């Protein structure tokens, strides 16, 4: 999972590319927020750590949360320049 997370290029990596890099690991959560979608995986159970991405309507990763404790807050926002 660490290699998959490090390979993510915000504003370029697609959901399909990330899922392929995750070798079929089932997401912990997959849901909508505002106009985007959050998909997350448990990276470690002890200590609890997560990999989460915000996807835009095209399925491109526009924000990333990685190796963060489960109780951490995240205000997902697109890190990509406006078109």
Protein backbone atom coordinates (compact mmCIF):
# COMPACT_ATOMS: atom_id res chain seq x y z
CA UNK A 1 0.00 0.00 0.00
CA UNK A 2 2.87 2.39 0.76
CA UNK A 3 4.18 2.01 -2.80
CA UNK A 4 0.71 2.64 -4.24
CA UNK A 5 0.28 5.77 -2.13
CA UNK A 6 3.71 7.12 -3.04
CA UNK A 7 2.95 6.57 -6.73
CA UNK A 8 -0.16 8.80 -6.66
CA UNK A 9 0.32 12.04 -8.57
CA UNK A 10 -2.41 14.46 -7.53
CA UNK A 11 -4.30 15.89 -10.50
CA UNK A 12 -3.04 13.06 -12.74
CA UNK A 13 -3.53 9.57 -11.21
CA UNK A 14 -6.91 8.02 -11.95
CA UNK A 15 -9.07 5.85 -9.74
CA UNK A 16 -8.49 2.92 -12.11
CA UNK A 17 -4.70 3.32 -11.84
CA UNK A 18 -4.86 3.53 -8.05
CA UNK A 19 -7.12 0.49 -7.75
CA UNK A 20 -4.74 -1.49 -9.99
CA UNK A 21 -1.82 -0.44 -7.79
CA UNK A 22 -3.81 -1.61 -4.74
CA UNK A 23 -3.92 -5.14 -6.24
CA UNK A 24 -7.64 -5.58 -5.68
CA UNK A 25 -7.72 -4.47 -2.03
CA UNK A 26 -11.30 -3.64 -1.06
CA UNK A 27 -11.83 -0.01 -0.03
CA UNK A 28 -12.77 0.64 3.59
CA UNK A 29 -15.14 3.40 2.45
CA UNK A 30 -16.43 4.65 -0.87
CA UNK A 31 -18.81 7.59 -0.75
CA UNK A 32 -19.73 11.00 -2.08
CA UNK A 33 -18.83 14.37 -0.61
CA UNK A 34 -20.01 17.56 -2.33
CA UNK A 35 -19.24 17.06 -6.03
CA UNK A 36 -16.48 14.51 -5.48
CA UNK A 37 -16.03 11.03 -4.15
CA UNK A 38 -13.89 9.79 -1.27
CA UNK A 39 -12.39 6.32 -1.46
CA UNK A 40 -10.29 5.05 1.45
CA UNK A 41 -8.37 1.96 2.47
CA UNK A 42 -7.03 0.86 5.85
CA UNK A 43 -3.25 1.04 5.51
CA UNK A 44 -2.49 -0.32 8.98
CA UNK A 45 -4.63 -1.62 11.82
CA UNK A 46 -2.10 -1.12 14.59
CA UNK A 47 -1.51 1.73 14.63
CA UNK A 48 -4.63 2.59 12.66
CA UNK A 49 -3.63 4.46 9.49
CA UNK A 50 -5.51 5.27 6.30
CA UNK A 51 -5.02 6.06 2.64
CA UNK A 52 -7.88 8.23 1.34
CA UNK A 53 -8.32 10.08 -1.91
CA UNK A 54 -10.77 12.66 -3.20
CA UNK A 55 -11.77 11.92 -6.80
CA UNK A 56 -13.28 14.46 -9.17
CA UNK A 57 -16.12 13.73 -11.60
CA UNK A 58 -13.61 12.25 -14.09
CA UNK A 59 -12.18 9.85 -11.50
CA UNK A 60 -8.90 11.74 -11.11
CA UNK A 61 -7.27 12.01 -7.67
CA UNK A 62 -7.46 15.68 -6.66
CA UNK A 63 -6.52 15.37 -2.97
CA UNK A 64 -4.80 12.73 -0.87
CA UNK A 65 -4.66 11.79 2.80
CA UNK A 66 -1.98 9.23 3.60
CA UNK A 67 -0.50 7.52 6.64
CA UNK A 68 -2.67 9.55 8.96
CA UNK A 69 -4.15 8.34 12.26
CA UNK A 70 -7.78 7.24 12.04
CA UNK A 71 -9.00 10.08 14.25
CA UNK A 72 -7.34 12.83 12.19
CA UNK A 73 -9.51 15.44 10.52
CA UNK A 74 -9.31 16.11 6.79
CA UNK A 75 -11.03 18.81 4.81
CA UNK A 76 -10.77 17.34 1.31
CA UNK A 77 -10.41 19.97 -1.39
CA UNK A 78 -9.20 19.84 -4.95
CA UNK A 79 -5.49 20.65 -5.14
CA UNK A 80 -5.72 21.04 -8.92
CA UNK A 81 -5.77 24.37 -10.72
CA UNK A 82 -9.17 25.39 -12.06
CA UNK A 83 -9.61 24.52 -15.75
